[in-house]
Protein backbone atom coordinates (compact mmCIF):
# COMPACT_ATOMS: atom_id res chain seq x y z
CA UNK A 1 61.78 -17.52 -25.60
CA UNK A 2 58.18 -16.49 -24.97
CA UNK A 3 56.01 -15.61 -27.98
CA UNK A 4 52.66 -13.87 -27.43
CA UNK A 5 50.01 -13.32 -30.10
CA UNK A 6 47.62 -10.40 -29.66
CA UNK A 7 44.00 -11.41 -29.15
CA UNK A 8 42.90 -8.64 -31.51
CA UNK A 9 45.30 -9.56 -34.34
CA UNK A 10 43.79 -10.20 -37.78
CA UNK A 11 40.71 -9.34 -39.78
CA UNK A 12 38.30 -6.86 -38.27
CA UNK A 13 34.58 -7.20 -38.91
CA UNK A 14 34.56 -4.80 -41.85
CA UNK A 15 37.48 -6.41 -43.65
CA UNK A 16 36.18 -9.93 -43.03
CA UNK A 17 32.80 -8.85 -44.41
CA UNK A 18 34.35 -7.34 -47.55
CA UNK A 19 36.55 -10.38 -48.23
CA UNK A 20 33.64 -12.77 -47.65
CA UNK A 21 31.43 -10.77 -50.01
CA UNK A 22 33.94 -10.78 -52.87
CA UNK A 23 34.74 -14.48 -52.40
CA UNK A 24 31.05 -15.41 -52.27
CA UNK A 25 30.48 -13.44 -55.47
CA UNK A 26 33.38 -15.25 -57.15
CA UNK A 27 32.33 -18.70 -55.94
CA UNK A 28 28.67 -18.32 -56.89
CA UNK A 29 28.75 -16.23 -60.06
CA UNK A 30 30.19 -16.87 -63.52
CA UNK A 31 30.32 -13.12 -64.28
CA UNK A 32 33.55 -11.13 -64.30
CA UNK A 33 34.36 -9.85 -60.81
CA UNK A 34 36.19 -6.60 -60.10
CA UNK A 35 37.01 -4.45 -57.09
CA UNK A 36 37.05 -0.68 -57.40
CA UNK A 37 40.52 0.03 -56.11
CA UNK A 38 42.29 -2.43 -53.78
CA UNK A 39 39.69 -4.25 -51.68
CA UNK A 40 41.90 -3.98 -48.58
CA UNK A 41 45.50 -2.96 -47.92
CA UNK A 42 47.19 -6.36 -47.81
CA UNK A 43 49.44 -7.56 -50.66
CA UNK A 44 48.91 -11.29 -50.00
CA UNK A 45 45.13 -10.95 -50.08
CA UNK A 46 45.28 -8.87 -53.25
CA UNK A 47 47.50 -11.50 -54.88
CA UNK A 48 45.04 -14.19 -53.79
CA UNK A 49 42.18 -12.28 -55.41
CA UNK A 50 44.12 -12.04 -58.68
CA UNK A 51 44.70 -15.81 -58.59
CA UNK A 52 40.92 -16.22 -58.34
CA UNK A 53 40.48 -13.96 -61.40
CA UNK A 54 39.14 -11.11 -59.30
CA UNK A 55 40.68 -8.03 -60.83
CA UNK A 56 40.89 -4.41 -59.81
CA UNK A 57 39.88 -1.29 -61.68
CA UNK A 58 41.20 2.10 -60.59
CA UNK A 59 39.31 4.22 -63.12
CA UNK A 60 35.65 4.00 -64.09
CA UNK A 61 35.15 3.25 -67.79
CA UNK A 62 32.30 4.71 -69.83
CA UNK A 63 30.80 1.26 -70.30
CA UNK A 64 31.39 -2.00 -68.47
CA UNK A 65 29.84 -5.31 -67.46
CA UNK A 66 30.18 -7.73 -64.59
CA UNK A 67 30.21 -7.24 -60.84
CA UNK A 68 32.16 -4.50 -59.07
CA UNK A 69 32.66 -4.47 -55.32
CA UNK A 70 33.15 -1.21 -53.51
CA UNK A 71 36.01 -1.74 -51.10
CA UNK A 72 35.79 -1.70 -47.32
CA UNK A 73 37.09 1.89 -47.17
CA UNK A 74 34.10 3.18 -49.13
CA UNK A 75 34.04 5.60 -52.07
CA UNK A 76 32.52 9.02 -52.83
CA UNK A 77 28.81 8.74 -53.76
CA UNK A 78 29.47 10.06 -57.27
CA UNK A 79 31.84 7.14 -57.93
CA UNK A 80 29.21 4.60 -56.94
CA UNK A 81 26.71 6.27 -59.26
CA UNK A 82 29.22 6.34 -62.11
CA UNK A 83 29.87 2.60 -61.73
CA UNK A 84 26.15 1.85 -61.97
CA UNK A 85 25.73 4.19 -64.93
CA UNK A 86 28.59 2.41 -66.70
CA UNK A 87 26.60 -0.84 -66.56
CA UNK A 88 28.23 -2.66 -63.65
CA UNK A 89 26.35 -4.55 -60.97
CA UNK A 90 27.60 -2.84 -57.83
CA UNK A 91 27.99 -4.63 -54.50
CA UNK A 92 28.72 -2.25 -51.64
CA UNK A 93 31.30 -3.82 -49.29
CA UNK A 94 31.91 -0.59 -47.37
CA UNK A 95 32.53 -1.31 -43.69
CA UNK A 96 29.38 -0.52 -41.64
CA UNK A 97 31.54 1.60 -39.31
CA UNK A 98 32.60 3.73 -42.28
CA UNK A 99 29.00 3.92 -43.50
CA UNK A 100 28.08 5.44 -40.13
CA UNK A 101 30.68 8.20 -40.57
CA UNK A 102 29.47 8.83 -44.13
CA UNK A 103 25.91 9.23 -42.81
CA UNK A 104 27.02 11.71 -40.12
CA UNK A 105 28.91 13.86 -42.63
CA UNK A 106 26.07 13.74 -45.15
CA UNK A 107 23.47 14.71 -42.55
CA UNK A 108 25.34 17.79 -41.35
CA UNK A 109 26.60 18.78 -44.80
CA UNK A 110 22.98 19.09 -45.91
CA UNK A 111 22.50 21.59 -43.06
CA UNK A 112 25.43 23.66 -44.30
CA UNK A 113 28.00 22.48 -41.74
CA UNK A 114 31.69 22.34 -42.54
CA UNK A 115 33.32 18.94 -42.05
CA UNK A 116 36.64 18.40 -40.28
CA UNK A 117 38.05 14.92 -40.80
CA UNK A 118 40.97 13.77 -38.65
CA UNK A 119 42.81 11.61 -41.14
CA UNK A 120 45.15 11.39 -44.11
CA UNK A 121 43.68 13.23 -47.10
CA UNK A 122 45.03 10.61 -49.51
CA UNK A 123 43.74 7.60 -47.58
CA UNK A 124 40.90 5.83 -49.50
CA UNK A 125 38.52 6.04 -46.55
CA UNK A 126 39.08 9.78 -46.17
CA UNK A 127 38.70 10.32 -49.93
CA UNK A 128 35.33 8.58 -49.72
CA UNK A 129 34.26 10.59 -46.66
CA UNK A 130 35.13 13.89 -48.35
CA UNK A 131 32.70 12.96 -51.10
CA UNK A 132 29.84 13.36 -48.60
CA UNK A 133 30.96 16.79 -47.37
CA UNK A 134 29.51 18.61 -50.41
CA UNK A 135 32.77 20.43 -51.16
CA UNK A 136 33.14 21.79 -47.64
CA UNK A 137 35.44 19.17 -46.11
CA UNK A 138 38.84 19.67 -44.48
CA UNK A 139 41.39 17.03 -43.42
CA UNK A 140 44.03 17.39 -40.73
CA UNK A 141 46.80 15.13 -39.46
CA UNK A 142 48.29 17.36 -36.76
CA UNK A 143 47.29 19.84 -34.06
CA UNK A 144 49.04 22.62 -35.99
CA UNK A 145 46.80 22.00 -38.99
CA UNK A 146 43.72 22.16 -36.77
CA UNK A 147 44.81 25.46 -35.27
CA UNK A 148 45.45 26.84 -38.75
CA UNK A 149 41.87 26.23 -39.86
CA UNK A 150 39.48 29.22 -39.73
CA UNK A 151 36.83 29.11 -37.04
CA UNK A 152 33.69 27.84 -38.72
CA UNK A 153 30.24 29.02 -37.78
CA UNK A 154 29.11 25.40 -37.70
CA UNK A 155 31.28 22.34 -38.09
CA UNK A 156 31.19 18.61 -37.50
CA UNK A 157 34.35 16.79 -36.37
CA UNK A 158 34.89 13.11 -37.17
CA UNK A 159 37.89 10.78 -37.32
CA UNK A 160 39.03 8.24 -39.82
CA UNK A 161 37.87 4.92 -38.30
CA UNK A 162 41.47 3.71 -37.89
CA UNK A 163 42.86 6.94 -36.41
CA UNK A 164 45.08 6.99 -33.31
CA UNK A 165 42.75 7.21 -30.29
CA UNK A 166 45.24 9.22 -28.21
CA UNK A 167 45.63 11.85 -30.94
CA UNK A 168 41.88 12.09 -31.46
CA UNK A 169 41.35 12.62 -27.74
CA UNK A 170 43.72 15.58 -27.96
CA UNK A 171 41.68 16.95 -30.87
CA UNK A 172 38.42 16.61 -28.93
CA UNK A 173 39.93 18.30 -25.87
CA UNK A 174 41.13 21.24 -27.99
CA UNK A 175 37.72 21.63 -29.64
CA UNK A 176 35.87 21.65 -26.34
CA UNK A 177 38.01 24.58 -25.18
CA UNK A 178 38.48 26.56 -28.39
CA UNK A 179 35.41 25.65 -30.46
CA UNK A 180 32.74 24.31 -28.09
CA UNK A 181 30.01 24.80 -30.71
CA UNK A 182 31.53 22.13 -32.99
CA UNK A 183 29.65 18.82 -33.17
CA UNK A 184 32.16 16.09 -32.25
CA UNK A 185 31.54 12.39 -32.90
CA UNK A 186 33.46 9.34 -31.68
CA UNK A 187 33.94 7.54 -34.98
CA UNK A 188 37.08 5.51 -34.35
CA UNK A 189 36.14 1.84 -34.74
CA UNK A 190 35.88 -0.12 -31.49
CA UNK A 191 38.14 -2.78 -33.01
CA UNK A 192 40.79 -0.12 -33.66
CA UNK A 193 40.61 1.09 -30.06
CA UNK A 194 41.02 -2.44 -28.71
CA UNK A 195 44.00 -3.14 -30.98
CA UNK A 196 45.74 0.07 -29.97
CA UNK A 197 45.07 -0.47 -26.27
CA UNK A 198 46.34 -4.04 -26.46
CA UNK A 199 49.50 -3.19 -28.39
CA UNK A 200 50.42 -0.54 -25.81
CA UNK A 201 50.09 -3.17 -23.08
CA UNK A 202 51.97 -5.86 -25.03
CA UNK A 203 54.78 -3.46 -25.92
CA UNK A 204 55.25 -2.62 -22.23
CA UNK A 205 55.24 -6.29 -21.20
CA UNK A 206 57.54 -7.73 -23.91
CA UNK A 207 61.03 -7.04 -25.21
CA UNK A 208 60.10 -6.80 -28.91
CA UNK A 209 57.01 -6.34 -31.06
CA UNK A 210 56.40 -7.67 -34.56
CA UNK A 211 53.56 -6.04 -36.49
CA UNK A 212 52.36 -8.08 -39.45
CA UNK A 213 50.44 -6.40 -42.28
CA UNK A 214 50.50 -4.29 -45.42
CA UNK A 215 52.85 -1.33 -45.53
CA UNK A 216 50.02 0.71 -47.10
CA UNK A 217 47.56 -0.16 -44.33
CA UNK A 218 46.89 2.89 -42.15
CA UNK A 219 45.78 0.95 -39.08
CA UNK A 220 48.77 -1.42 -39.33
CA UNK A 221 51.24 1.45 -39.60
CA UNK A 222 49.62 3.06 -36.56
CA UNK A 223 50.07 -0.13 -34.53
CA UNK A 224 53.77 -0.09 -35.38
CA UNK A 225 54.03 3.60 -34.48
CA UNK A 226 52.31 3.07 -31.12
CA UNK A 227 54.58 0.14 -30.27
CA UNK A 228 57.76 2.00 -31.27
CA UNK A 229 56.84 4.96 -29.05
CA UNK A 230 57.24 2.70 -26.02
CA UNK A 231 60.94 2.41 -26.85
CA UNK A 232 60.75 -1.35 -27.49
CA UNK A 233 62.21 -2.96 -30.60
CA UNK A 234 59.39 -2.83 -33.18
CA UNK A 235 59.41 -4.46 -36.62
CA UNK A 236 56.69 -3.93 -39.23
CA UNK A 237 56.69 -6.67 -41.85
CA UNK A 238 54.49 -7.64 -44.78
CA UNK A 239 56.12 -11.03 -45.17
CA UNK A 240 57.87 -13.30 -42.68
CA UNK A 241 61.03 -13.28 -44.84
CA UNK A 242 61.60 -9.64 -43.82
CA UNK A 243 62.43 -10.49 -40.19
CA UNK A 244 66.01 -10.03 -38.99
CA UNK A 245 66.31 -12.77 -36.38
CA UNK A 246 69.66 -11.40 -35.26
CA UNK A 247 67.89 -8.35 -33.83
CA UNK A 248 65.44 -10.58 -31.95
CA UNK A 249 68.03 -13.00 -30.56
CA UNK A 250 68.48 -11.05 -27.32
CA UNK A 251 64.74 -10.69 -26.68
CA UNK A 252 63.32 -12.93 -23.97
CA UNK A 253 59.75 -12.32 -25.11
CA UNK A 254 58.22 -11.27 -28.44
CA UNK A 255 54.69 -10.00 -29.06
CA UNK A 256 53.04 -10.49 -32.45
CA UNK A 257 50.14 -8.36 -33.60
CA UNK A 258 48.60 -7.72 -36.99
CA UNK A 259 46.54 -5.10 -38.75
CA UNK A 260 42.83 -5.37 -39.45
CA UNK A 261 43.52 -6.45 -43.04
CA UNK A 262 45.93 -9.29 -42.19
CA UNK A 263 44.44 -12.79 -42.67
CA UNK A 264 44.84 -15.57 -40.13
CA UNK A 265 47.06 -17.75 -42.29
CA UNK A 266 49.76 -15.04 -42.41
CA UNK A 267 49.64 -14.56 -38.63
CA UNK A 268 49.85 -18.32 -38.02
CA UNK A 269 52.71 -18.66 -40.50
CA UNK A 270 54.54 -15.78 -38.82
CA UNK A 271 54.19 -17.44 -35.42
CA UNK A 272 55.40 -20.82 -36.73
CA UNK A 273 58.41 -19.32 -38.49
CA UNK A 274 59.40 -17.12 -35.57
CA UNK A 275 58.99 -19.98 -33.15
CA UNK A 276 61.10 -22.39 -35.22
CA UNK A 277 63.87 -19.81 -35.84
CA UNK A 278 64.13 -18.45 -32.31
CA UNK A 279 63.78 -21.81 -30.57
CA UNK A 280 66.88 -23.07 -32.40
CA UNK A 281 68.84 -21.41 -29.62
CA UNK A 282 67.55 -24.18 -27.30
CA UNK A 283 68.34 -27.56 -28.96
CA UNK A 284 66.13 -29.70 -26.71
CA UNK A 285 63.10 -27.45 -27.19
CA UNK A 286 63.78 -27.16 -30.90
CA UNK A 287 63.85 -30.96 -31.20
CA UNK A 288 60.48 -31.28 -29.46
CA UNK A 289 58.88 -28.75 -31.79
CA UNK A 290 60.47 -30.45 -34.78
CA UNK A 291 58.98 -33.80 -33.75
CA UNK A 292 55.57 -32.22 -33.07
CA UNK A 293 55.48 -30.49 -36.46
CA UNK A 294 56.59 -33.66 -38.28
CA UNK A 295 53.88 -35.76 -36.62
CA UNK A 296 51.23 -33.17 -37.50
CA UNK A 297 52.38 -32.50 -41.07
CA UNK A 298 52.61 -36.18 -41.98
CA UNK A 299 49.29 -36.96 -40.25
CA UNK A 300 51.02 -39.68 -38.22
CA UNK A 301 49.59 -38.15 -35.06
CA UNK A 302 46.09 -38.04 -36.54
CA UNK A 303 46.38 -41.68 -37.60
CA UNK A 304 47.71 -42.66 -34.18
CA UNK A 305 44.71 -40.92 -32.63
CA UNK A 306 42.39 -43.03 -34.81
CA UNK A 307 44.20 -46.18 -33.70
CA UNK A 308 43.98 -45.30 -30.01
CA UNK A 309 40.30 -44.36 -30.40
CA UNK A 310 39.65 -47.75 -32.04
CA UNK A 311 41.29 -49.49 -29.12
CA UNK A 312 39.08 -47.52 -26.72
CA UNK A 313 35.94 -48.37 -28.71
CA UNK A 314 36.86 -52.06 -28.62
CA UNK A 315 37.45 -51.95 -24.87
CA UNK A 316 34.09 -50.23 -24.33
CA UNK A 317 32.35 -53.01 -26.27
CA UNK A 318 34.21 -55.73 -24.39
CA UNK A 319 36.21 -56.86 -27.44
CA UNK A 320 39.46 -58.47 -26.36
CA UNK A 321 41.18 -59.06 -29.70
CA UNK A 322 41.47 -55.40 -30.58
CA UNK A 323 45.02 -54.42 -31.51
CA UNK A 324 44.67 -55.45 -35.16
CA UNK A 325 41.56 -53.29 -35.46
CA UNK A 326 43.49 -50.32 -34.07
CA UNK A 327 46.26 -50.91 -36.62
CA UNK A 328 43.76 -51.18 -39.50
CA UNK A 329 42.08 -47.93 -38.50
CA UNK A 330 45.44 -46.21 -38.15
CA UNK A 331 46.61 -47.32 -41.61
CA UNK A 332 43.29 -46.38 -43.25
CA UNK A 333 43.17 -42.90 -41.71
CA UNK A 334 46.84 -42.27 -42.47
CA UNK A 335 46.32 -43.19 -46.12
CA UNK A 336 43.17 -41.11 -46.54
CA UNK A 337 44.58 -38.06 -44.72
CA UNK A 338 47.76 -38.00 -46.79
CA UNK A 339 45.87 -38.41 -50.06
CA UNK A 340 43.41 -35.68 -49.11
CA UNK A 341 46.28 -33.31 -48.22
CA UNK A 342 47.96 -34.06 -51.55
CA UNK A 343 44.75 -32.99 -53.31
CA UNK A 344 44.33 -29.89 -51.13
CA UNK A 345 47.75 -28.27 -51.39
CA UNK A 346 46.12 -25.13 -52.83
CA UNK A 347 43.77 -24.39 -49.89
CA UNK A 348 46.48 -25.50 -47.46
CA UNK A 349 48.59 -22.64 -48.83
CA UNK A 350 46.21 -20.43 -46.84
CA UNK A 351 45.27 -22.71 -43.94
CA UNK A 352 48.61 -24.46 -43.30
CA UNK A 353 51.38 -22.81 -45.39
CA UNK A 354 54.18 -24.94 -43.97
CA UNK A 355 52.26 -28.18 -44.46
CA UNK A 356 51.41 -27.19 -48.04
CA UNK A 357 55.11 -26.57 -48.73
CA UNK A 358 56.01 -29.89 -47.10
CA UNK A 359 53.54 -31.81 -49.28
CA UNK A 360 54.61 -29.99 -52.42
CA UNK A 361 58.29 -30.83 -51.84
CA UNK A 362 57.67 -34.46 -50.86
CA UNK A 363 54.71 -35.31 -53.09
CA UNK A 364 56.15 -38.55 -54.54
CA UNK A 365 57.30 -39.97 -51.19
CA UNK A 366 54.00 -39.12 -49.49
CA UNK A 367 51.96 -40.63 -52.31
CA UNK A 368 53.94 -43.86 -52.03
CA UNK A 369 53.50 -43.83 -48.25
CA UNK A 370 49.74 -43.28 -48.61
CA UNK A 371 49.32 -46.16 -51.08
CA UNK A 372 51.46 -48.45 -48.93
CA UNK A 373 49.45 -47.59 -45.80
CA UNK A 374 46.11 -48.14 -47.53
CA UNK A 375 47.19 -51.44 -49.07
CA UNK A 376 48.65 -52.66 -45.77
CA UNK A 377 45.41 -51.86 -43.96
CA UNK A 378 43.35 -53.77 -46.52
CA UNK A 379 45.71 -56.75 -46.40
CA UNK A 380 45.65 -56.84 -42.60
CA UNK A 381 41.85 -56.66 -42.64
CA UNK A 382 41.64 -59.47 -45.18
CA UNK A 383 43.75 -61.89 -43.15
CA UNK A 384 42.42 -61.07 -39.67
CA UNK A 385 38.88 -59.66 -39.60
CA UNK A 386 36.76 -61.65 -42.04
CA UNK A 387 35.20 -61.08 -45.44
CA UNK A 388 32.48 -58.63 -44.35
CA UNK A 389 34.88 -56.30 -42.54
CA UNK A 390 37.28 -56.44 -45.47
CA UNK A 391 34.45 -55.59 -47.88
CA UNK A 392 33.32 -52.60 -45.78
CA UNK A 393 36.89 -51.28 -45.53
CA UNK A 394 37.32 -51.70 -49.30
CA UNK A 395 34.18 -49.66 -49.96
CA UNK A 396 35.34 -47.00 -47.49
CA UNK A 397 38.72 -46.84 -49.24
CA UNK A 398 37.11 -46.42 -52.66
CA UNK A 399 34.87 -43.64 -51.36
CA UNK A 400 37.89 -41.95 -49.81
CA UNK A 401 39.82 -42.17 -53.08
CA UNK A 402 36.87 -40.76 -55.05
CA UNK A 403 36.32 -37.80 -52.69
CA UNK A 404 38.33 -35.42 -54.87
CA UNK A 405 37.29 -36.91 -58.26
CA UNK A 406 34.54 -35.50 -60.50
CA UNK A 407 32.16 -38.45 -60.49
CA UNK A 408 28.93 -37.11 -58.99
CA UNK A 409 26.15 -36.73 -61.64
CA UNK A 410 24.99 -33.23 -60.73
CA UNK A 411 26.26 -29.73 -61.29
CA UNK A 412 27.83 -27.38 -58.79
CA UNK A 413 26.57 -23.81 -58.34
CA UNK A 414 28.80 -22.52 -61.13
CA UNK A 415 27.65 -25.24 -63.56
CA UNK A 416 30.70 -27.47 -63.16
CA UNK A 417 30.55 -31.28 -62.80
CA UNK A 418 30.67 -31.94 -59.09
CA UNK A 419 32.78 -34.05 -56.73
CA UNK A 420 31.94 -35.45 -53.33
CA UNK A 421 33.94 -32.60 -51.84
CA UNK A 422 31.65 -30.11 -53.65
CA UNK A 423 28.61 -31.21 -51.67
CA UNK A 424 28.10 -28.47 -49.04
CA UNK A 425 29.20 -29.62 -45.60
CA UNK A 426 30.30 -33.03 -46.91
CA UNK A 427 33.83 -32.87 -45.51
CA UNK A 428 32.85 -32.86 -41.83
CA UNK A 429 30.05 -35.42 -42.25
CA UNK A 430 32.01 -37.90 -44.38
CA UNK A 431 35.10 -37.80 -42.17
CA UNK A 432 32.89 -38.39 -39.12
CA UNK A 433 31.17 -41.39 -40.76
CA UNK A 434 34.46 -42.83 -42.02
CA UNK A 435 36.12 -42.61 -38.61
CA UNK A 436 33.03 -44.04 -36.89
CA UNK A 437 33.05 -46.98 -39.30
CA UNK A 438 36.71 -47.94 -38.93
CA UNK A 439 37.02 -47.20 -35.21
CA UNK A 440 33.75 -48.75 -34.02
CA UNK A 441 31.76 -50.66 -36.65
CA UNK A 442 34.56 -52.78 -38.13
CA UNK A 443 35.61 -54.23 -34.75
CA UNK A 444 31.93 -54.77 -33.92
CA UNK A 445 31.22 -56.61 -37.18
CA UNK A 446 34.27 -58.82 -36.82
CA UNK A 447 33.35 -59.74 -33.23
CA UNK A 448 29.53 -59.73 -33.57
CA UNK A 449 29.02 -57.24 -30.74
CA UNK A 450 25.58 -56.46 -29.36
CA UNK A 451 23.69 -53.88 -31.39
CA UNK A 452 22.89 -51.55 -28.49
CA UNK A 453 26.48 -51.37 -27.26
CA UNK A 454 27.68 -50.77 -30.83
CA UNK A 455 25.19 -47.91 -31.23
CA UNK A 456 26.30 -46.26 -27.97
CA UNK A 457 30.00 -46.53 -28.78
CA UNK A 458 29.43 -45.39 -32.38
CA UNK A 459 27.66 -42.24 -31.16
CA UNK A 460 30.46 -41.61 -28.65
CA UNK A 461 33.22 -41.97 -31.27
CA UNK A 462 31.47 -39.98 -34.00
CA UNK A 463 30.63 -37.21 -31.54
CA UNK A 464 34.31 -36.74 -30.73
CA UNK A 465 35.36 -36.91 -34.38
CA UNK A 466 32.65 -34.46 -35.47
CA UNK A 467 33.72 -31.96 -32.80
CA UNK A 468 37.37 -32.32 -33.81
CA UNK A 469 36.73 -31.97 -37.55
CA UNK A 470 34.25 -29.10 -37.25
CA UNK A 471 36.65 -27.23 -34.96
CA UNK A 472 39.50 -27.62 -37.44
CA UNK A 473 37.11 -26.43 -40.18
CA UNK A 474 36.45 -23.28 -38.15
CA UNK A 475 40.19 -22.65 -37.88
CA UNK A 476 40.48 -23.10 -41.66
CA UNK A 477 37.43 -21.05 -42.59
CA UNK A 478 39.34 -18.25 -44.34
CA UNK A 479 41.34 -20.58 -46.58
CA UNK A 480 38.30 -22.75 -47.33
CA UNK A 481 36.23 -19.72 -48.35
CA UNK A 482 39.05 -18.55 -50.63
CA UNK A 483 39.12 -21.89 -52.45
CA UNK A 484 35.34 -22.19 -52.61
CA UNK A 485 34.95 -25.08 -50.15
CA UNK A 486 31.57 -25.02 -48.41
CA UNK A 487 32.33 -26.52 -45.02
CA UNK A 488 29.79 -26.52 -42.20
CA UNK A 489 31.24 -23.38 -40.53
CA UNK A 490 30.92 -21.52 -43.84
CA UNK A 491 27.34 -22.69 -44.26
CA UNK A 492 26.27 -22.16 -40.64
CA UNK A 493 28.66 -19.45 -39.44
CA UNK A 494 31.35 -19.71 -36.78
CA UNK A 495 29.09 -18.93 -33.83
CA UNK A 496 26.47 -21.52 -34.76
CA UNK A 497 29.16 -24.10 -35.50
CA UNK A 498 30.71 -23.63 -32.06
CA UNK A 499 27.28 -24.04 -30.50
CA UNK A 500 26.66 -27.31 -32.37
CA UNK A 501 30.09 -28.64 -31.36
CA UNK A 502 29.36 -27.88 -27.72
CA UNK A 503 25.89 -29.48 -27.84
CA UNK A 504 27.33 -32.65 -29.40
CA UNK A 505 30.07 -32.91 -26.77
CA UNK A 506 27.50 -32.45 -23.99
CA UNK A 507 25.41 -35.21 -25.59
CA UNK A 508 28.54 -37.38 -25.75
CA UNK A 509 29.06 -36.94 -22.03
CA UNK A 510 25.42 -37.85 -21.45
CA UNK A 511 25.68 -41.01 -23.54
CA UNK A 512 28.60 -42.32 -21.51
CA UNK A 513 27.17 -41.31 -18.14
CA UNK A 514 23.92 -43.06 -19.06
CA UNK A 515 25.75 -46.37 -19.24
CA UNK A 516 26.65 -46.03 -15.54
CA UNK A 517 23.08 -47.15 -14.75
CA UNK A 518 23.06 -50.00 -17.27
CA UNK A 519 25.15 -52.98 -18.36
CA UNK A 520 25.36 -51.86 -21.98
CA UNK A 521 29.10 -51.14 -21.85
CA UNK A 522 31.95 -52.41 -19.71
CA UNK A 523 32.33 -51.39 -16.11
CA UNK A 524 34.20 -48.13 -15.56
CA UNK A 525 32.95 -46.86 -18.96
CA UNK A 526 31.76 -43.69 -17.23
CA UNK A 527 35.41 -42.57 -16.98
CA UNK A 528 35.26 -41.87 -20.73
CA UNK A 529 32.87 -38.99 -20.07
CA UNK A 530 36.02 -37.04 -19.17
CA UNK A 531 37.13 -37.14 -22.83
CA UNK A 532 34.29 -35.03 -24.33
CA UNK A 533 34.38 -32.89 -21.19
CA UNK A 534 38.07 -32.07 -21.71
CA UNK A 535 37.48 -31.44 -25.43
CA UNK A 536 34.57 -29.15 -24.52
CA UNK A 537 36.82 -27.12 -22.21
CA UNK A 538 39.64 -26.94 -24.76
CA UNK A 539 37.41 -25.76 -27.60
CA UNK A 540 35.65 -23.29 -25.31
CA UNK A 541 39.06 -21.95 -24.31
CA UNK A 542 40.27 -21.71 -27.91
CA UNK A 543 37.01 -20.01 -28.97
CA UNK A 544 37.83 -16.97 -26.83
CA UNK A 545 40.69 -15.91 -29.14
CA UNK A 546 43.22 -17.55 -26.87
CA UNK A 547 46.89 -16.79 -27.35
CA UNK A 548 47.48 -20.47 -28.15
CA UNK A 549 48.66 -20.66 -31.81
CA UNK A 550 47.24 -22.99 -34.46
CA UNK A 551 49.85 -25.76 -34.23
CA UNK A 552 49.42 -26.06 -30.47
CA UNK A 553 45.64 -26.18 -30.79
CA UNK A 554 45.85 -28.96 -33.36
CA UNK A 555 48.32 -30.89 -31.21
CA UNK A 556 46.16 -30.71 -28.07
CA UNK A 557 43.00 -31.85 -29.87
CA UNK A 558 44.76 -34.72 -31.68
CA UNK A 559 46.50 -35.84 -28.50
CA UNK A 560 43.13 -36.13 -26.78
CA UNK A 561 42.34 -39.11 -29.03
CA UNK A 562 45.59 -40.75 -28.01
CA UNK A 563 44.70 -40.05 -24.40
CA UNK A 564 41.37 -41.83 -24.97
CA UNK A 565 43.23 -45.03 -25.87
CA UNK A 566 45.59 -44.64 -22.93
CA UNK A 567 42.60 -44.27 -20.61
CA UNK A 568 41.16 -47.49 -22.05
CA UNK A 569 44.42 -49.29 -21.35
CA UNK A 570 44.43 -48.05 -17.75
CA UNK A 571 40.89 -49.17 -16.87
CA UNK A 572 41.21 -52.67 -18.36
């Protein structure tokens, strides 16, 4: 069974902007937050906003207080004025593409032009657009309705930004022949055009299409309509539980796409669920995916990667007694990762729904496993590595345990007592330092390695870990923003974060290649330059909205750390 995810699936620019604006307002302000009407047409996102105490008002009261966000679809200008007059602080989250259409209508309406809008009269975007037509606006949804309109002396023709491009092209062709004096504007969003073009191609190339998104979302419904017109089996779902796998059992390939208001976590969850249900038809393949998912969910693979990286760092420094250090690092990372995931079940509900469910169901067992792993690592360090290494590991363990506790003597932005995790960007930095300490510094301290070689290997290890952690933070940016976590990608933006990751990996390659001309590290150390190079290529590939789903991305990146240890074993 082949499963393909559309490159254009998920939040468009306008929706992402609106969601980010309302979440930023909620995370930074103690005032009441409202949206005027549903912010976007997605039930899961609307439920998430309610959980964050962001409520919706559908009618404008005479008086009010707090912050009101105008939704991405926009509103009539008189509604925005009424909200301000009522006493609300208004934040305009109207999509810039919609704002452009509003400006076109307003400009020509002031000149006395009639306005013809190709779109559903009851759709929120169209309702808002009509407000700029100064009472002279007309909406149509079919060619018959266009022909039934009187011929206006002057008219401007625009389309709802999520309208069907094929239908709008028919409208424009008719106008050029029958009403050449009309002013016609291409107002369908470029994102909408790309989605519709891609879904036509995917529907032709695959046996079935699954469209994920709100049933009230105009652009999502249009994607389903376009796919169904190809004659292929098409299913429009809001929730993964709505899929009838019996209908899909005969399909050899399935394409998944999603509307512009569908968040990444729902798309990823849909892929994971479809993959696990459809692959059951192939026992061997199903077993492999089951093992992969178990290793990722339990963090055993992450911990193994830390152990293999420790082994590689020891080999690079010329340390021969290194297996116990690898085991200590593995136990420490396993303990800290499990504990952190137990504390972050809420954000994981958005970033990793299946992992969040797994941790919620097995909380007691995982807590016991985490404590046992941490205690075993400390005991092993105490009996094998010396007092100083044991002391450093103990301090690292205490810091890891306190990461989610409110012990920091300063206030967060909303006036709450802070935790280490509340420090902006702390997650990526602290994980990088912790991994660098247990994978490189502890073996070096125990074996009294030379300072210069320790510095080189420490930079190499922390560069890889930083790239890994920052990349995973980018993948989790929507869920982290929802829960108010200020990771580096949220602070710097995705584009800047990708650039920093790439610069660090290039520097990592340079550090290792530099040792080729020196005796700082062991011979053949230059082979390790392939590790940051491969990670660079993988992340660059994933950055381009690759069809590789989240679980596969995580597996490939984590396995690269295991490969680092295997490479060390080969060259020794």
